[in-house]
C-alpha atoms as a PDB file:
ATOM      1  CA  MET A   1      16.363  -1.016   3.909  1.00  0.00           C
ATOM      2  CA  LYS A   2      17.391  -4.181   5.659  1.00  0.00           C
ATOM      3  CA  PHE A   3      15.324  -5.442   8.601  1.00  0.00           C
ATOM      4  CA  LYS A   4      16.373  -8.079  11.138  1.00  0.00           C
ATOM      5  CA  ALA A   5      13.508  -9.183  13.341  1.00  0.00           C
ATOM      6  CA  LYS A   6      13.699 -11.197  16.545  1.00  0.00           C
ATOM      7  CA  ILE A   7      10.907 -12.611  18.675  1.00  0.00           C
ATOM      8  CA  ASP A   8      11.534 -11.673  22.294  1.00  0.00           C
ATOM      9  CA  HIS A   9       8.541 -13.469  23.801  1.00  0.00           C
ATOM     10  CA  LEU A  10       5.787 -15.735  22.481  1.00  0.00           C
ATOM     11  CA  ASN A  11       2.410 -15.251  24.134  1.00  0.00           C
ATOM     12  CA  SER A  12       0.863 -18.614  25.029  1.00  0.00           C
ATOM     13  CA  LYS A  13      -2.415 -17.137  26.282  1.00  0.00           C
ATOM     14  CA  GLU A  14      -5.546 -16.877  24.150  1.00  0.00           C
ATOM     15  CA  GLY A  15      -6.207 -13.488  22.619  1.00  0.00           C
ATOM     16  CA  PRO A  16      -4.955 -11.188  19.896  1.00  0.00           C
ATOM     17  CA  LEU A  17      -1.398 -10.722  21.249  1.00  0.00           C
ATOM     18  CA  LYS A  18       0.835 -13.341  19.637  1.00  0.00           C
ATOM     19  CA  ALA A  19       4.355 -12.116  20.441  1.00  0.00           C
ATOM     20  CA  TYR A  20       6.671  -9.306  21.436  1.00  0.00           C
ATOM     21  CA  ALA A  21       9.399  -8.549  18.926  1.00  0.00           C
ATOM     22  CA  SER A  22      12.331  -6.276  18.257  1.00  0.00           C
ATOM     23  CA  ILE A  23      13.686  -5.178  14.923  1.00  0.00           C
ATOM     24  CA  VAL A  24      17.013  -3.756  13.746  1.00  0.00           C
ATOM     25  CA  ILE A  25      16.994  -1.448  10.740  1.00  0.00           C
ATOM     26  CA  ASP A  26      20.103  -1.321   8.504  1.00  0.00           C
ATOM     27  CA  ASP A  27      22.275  -2.378  11.472  1.00  0.00           C
ATOM     28  CA  ALA A  28      21.840   1.196  12.705  1.00  0.00           C
ATOM     29  CA  LEU A  29      18.589   1.512  14.660  1.00  0.00           C
ATOM     30  CA  ALA A  30      16.819  -0.910  17.007  1.00  0.00           C
ATOM     31  CA  ILE A  31      13.159  -0.827  18.005  1.00  0.00           C
ATOM     32  CA  ASP A  32      12.061  -2.921  20.989  1.00  0.00           C
ATOM     33  CA  GLY A  33       8.574  -3.519  22.317  1.00  0.00           C
ATOM     34  CA  ILE A  34       6.844  -4.203  19.014  1.00  0.00           C
ATOM     35  CA  ARG A  35       3.706  -6.282  19.486  1.00  0.00           C
ATOM     36  CA  LEU A  36       2.524  -8.803  16.902  1.00  0.00           C
ATOM     37  CA  LEU A  37      -1.270  -8.958  16.994  1.00  0.00           C
ATOM     38  CA  GLU A  38      -3.874 -11.048  15.221  1.00  0.00           C
ATOM     39  CA  ALA A  39      -7.027  -9.325  13.953  1.00  0.00           C
ATOM     40  CA  LYS A  40     -10.423 -11.028  14.018  1.00  0.00           C
ATOM     41  CA  ASN A  41      -9.936 -11.934  10.338  1.00  0.00           C
ATOM     42  CA  LYS A  42      -6.697 -13.774  11.348  1.00  0.00           C
ATOM     43  CA  HIS A  43      -4.520 -11.106   9.675  1.00  0.00           C
ATOM     44  CA  LEU A  44      -1.267 -10.448  11.585  1.00  0.00           C
ATOM     45  CA  PHE A  45      -0.211  -6.838  12.114  1.00  0.00           C
ATOM     46  CA  LEU A  46       2.291  -4.831  14.167  1.00  0.00           C
ATOM     47  CA  SER A  47       1.630  -2.430  16.997  1.00  0.00           C
ATOM     48  CA  PHE A  48       4.555  -0.142  17.682  1.00  0.00           C
ATOM     49  CA  PRO A  49       5.732   1.038  21.099  1.00  0.00           C
ATOM     50  CA  SER A  50       3.500   3.718  22.586  1.00  0.00           C
ATOM     51  CA  ARG A  51       3.153   5.720  25.740  1.00  0.00           C
ATOM     52  CA  LYS A  52       0.115   6.857  27.628  1.00  0.00           C
ATOM     53  CA  TYR A  53      -0.541  10.533  28.233  1.00  0.00           C
ATOM     54  CA  THR A  54      -3.394  12.672  29.497  1.00  0.00           C
ATOM     55  CA  ASP A  55      -4.928  15.119  27.029  1.00  0.00           C
ATOM     56  CA  ARG A  56      -6.359  18.566  27.849  1.00  0.00           C
ATOM     57  CA  ASN A  57      -9.710  17.009  28.780  1.00  0.00           C
ATOM     58  CA  GLY A  58      -8.093  14.697  31.307  1.00  0.00           C
ATOM     59  CA  GLU A  59      -8.622  11.626  29.131  1.00  0.00           C
ATOM     60  CA  GLY A  60      -5.925   8.960  28.916  1.00  0.00           C
ATOM     61  CA  LYS A  61      -4.665   8.458  25.363  1.00  0.00           C
ATOM     62  CA  TYR A  62      -1.825   6.563  23.694  1.00  0.00           C
ATOM     63  CA  LYS A  63       0.718   7.937  21.250  1.00  0.00           C
ATOM     64  CA  ASP A  64       3.138   5.833  19.226  1.00  0.00           C
ATOM     65  CA  VAL A  65       6.759   6.476  20.147  1.00  0.00           C
ATOM     66  CA  CYS A  66       7.975   5.386  16.716  1.00  0.00           C
ATOM     67  CA  TYR A  67       6.302   4.114  13.566  1.00  0.00           C
ATOM     68  CA  PRO A  68       6.961   3.589   9.852  1.00  0.00           C
ATOM     69  CA  LEU A  69       6.246   6.591   7.657  1.00  0.00           C
ATOM     70  CA  SER A  70       5.143   4.662   4.581  1.00  0.00           C
ATOM     71  CA  ALA A  71       2.944   1.668   3.850  1.00  0.00           C
ATOM     72  CA  GLU A  72       5.844  -0.015   2.048  1.00  0.00           C
ATOM     73  CA  VAL A  73       8.138   0.183   5.086  1.00  0.00           C
ATOM     74  CA  ARG A  74       5.341  -1.018   7.395  1.00  0.00           C
ATOM     75  CA  GLU A  75       4.727  -3.961   5.069  1.00  0.00           C
ATOM     76  CA  GLU A  76       8.427  -4.927   4.989  1.00  0.00           C
ATOM     77  CA  MET A  77       8.720  -4.662   8.774  1.00  0.00           C
ATOM     78  CA  THR A  78       5.581  -6.756   9.234  1.00  0.00           C
ATOM     79  CA  LYS A  79       6.914  -9.359   6.821  1.00  0.00           C
ATOM     80  CA  ALA A  80      10.215  -9.603   8.738  1.00  0.00           C
ATOM     81  CA  VAL A  81       8.483  -9.975  12.126  1.00  0.00           C
ATOM     82  CA  VAL A  82       5.929 -12.515  10.849  1.00  0.00           C
ATOM     83  CA  GLU A  83       8.731 -14.637   9.330  1.00  0.00           C
ATOM     84  CA  ALA A  84      10.616 -14.546  12.647  1.00  0.00           C
ATOM     85  CA  TYR A  85       7.379 -15.447  14.468  1.00  0.00           C
ATOM     86  CA  LYS A  86       6.687 -18.444  12.242  1.00  0.00           C
ATOM     87  CA  LYS A  87      10.286 -19.632  12.650  1.00  0.00           C
ATOM     88  CA  GLU A  88      10.075 -19.274  16.438  1.00  0.00           C
ATOM     89  CA  LEU A  89       6.747 -21.145  16.524  1.00  0.00           C
ATOM     90  CA  SER A  90       8.227 -23.946  14.421  1.00  0.00           C
ATOM     91  CA  GLU A  91      11.287 -24.242  16.678  1.00  0.00           C
ATOM     92  CA  THR A  92       9.118 -24.227  19.801  1.00  0.00           C
ATOM     93  CA  GLN A  93       6.853 -26.938  18.385  1.00  0.00           C
ATOM     94  CA  ASP A  94       9.908 -29.032  17.447  1.00  0.00           C
ATOM     95  CA  GLU A  95      11.265 -28.696  21.000  1.00  0.00           C
ATOM     96  CA  ASN A  96       7.890 -29.633  22.495  1.00  0.00           C
ATOM     97  CA  SER A  97       7.647 -32.639  20.167  1.00  0.00           C
ATOM     98  CA  GLU A  98      11.113 -33.859  21.209  1.00  0.00           C
ATOM     99  CA  GLU A  99      10.217 -33.432  24.907  1.00  0.00           C
ATOM    100  CA  SER A 100       6.970 -35.362  24.353  1.00  0.00           C
ATOM    101  CA  GLU A 101       8.797 -38.232  22.682  1.00  0.00           C
ATOM    102  CA  GLN A 102      11.339 -38.326  25.522  1.00  0.00           C
ATOM    103  CA  ASP A 103       8.529 -38.353  28.121  1.00  0.00           C
ATOM    104  CA  GLU A 104       6.874 -41.299  26.337  1.00  0.00           C
ATOM    105  CA  GLU A 105      10.181 -43.192  26.301  1.00  0.00           C
ATOM    106  CA  ASP A 106      10.686 -42.478  30.014  1.00  0.00           C
ATOM    107  CA  GLU A 107       7.185 -43.751  30.819  1.00  0.00           C
ATOM    108  CA  THR A 108       7.674 -47.068  28.987  1.00  0.00           C
ATOM    109  CA  GLU A 109      11.235 -47.665  30.198  1.00  0.00           C
ATOM    110  CA  GLY A 110      11.381 -50.624  32.552  1.00  0.00           C
ATOM    111  CA  GLN A 111       7.948 -51.926  31.603  1.00  0.00           C
ATOM    112  CA  VAL A 112       7.602 -55.496  30.415  1.00  0.00           C
ATOM    113  CA  LEU A 113       4.907 -56.437  27.943  1.00  0.00           C
ATOM    114  CA  CYS A 114       3.314 -59.866  28.281  1.00  0.00           C
ATOM    115  CA  ASN A 115       1.177 -61.601  25.713  1.00  0.00           C
ATOM    116  CA  MET A 116      -1.509 -63.901  27.078  1.00  0.00           C
END
């Protein structure tokens, strides 16, 4: 199977949610709404789209809408999403670094340094 992962949104807030992602499988099936989460041990894992329902006892529960059927497929999907996440983080940091450098240049433009 071939997986193409894309990060739809990076989460900048503190907490376990790191990003929302989508994945295309074999150019035939797309899954949106995948959440990339970080466990307490810093391990990244995927949470697949789910919906809330009420069981017979009136309790609210969640059921996955779709999910991998084998550990191997889950591992490959996780790997694809984590690689896309790291790439997106790197690109975002590069953009922020360039903006920072430009801000510093703007702040010093027009200033004259004098030695006394």
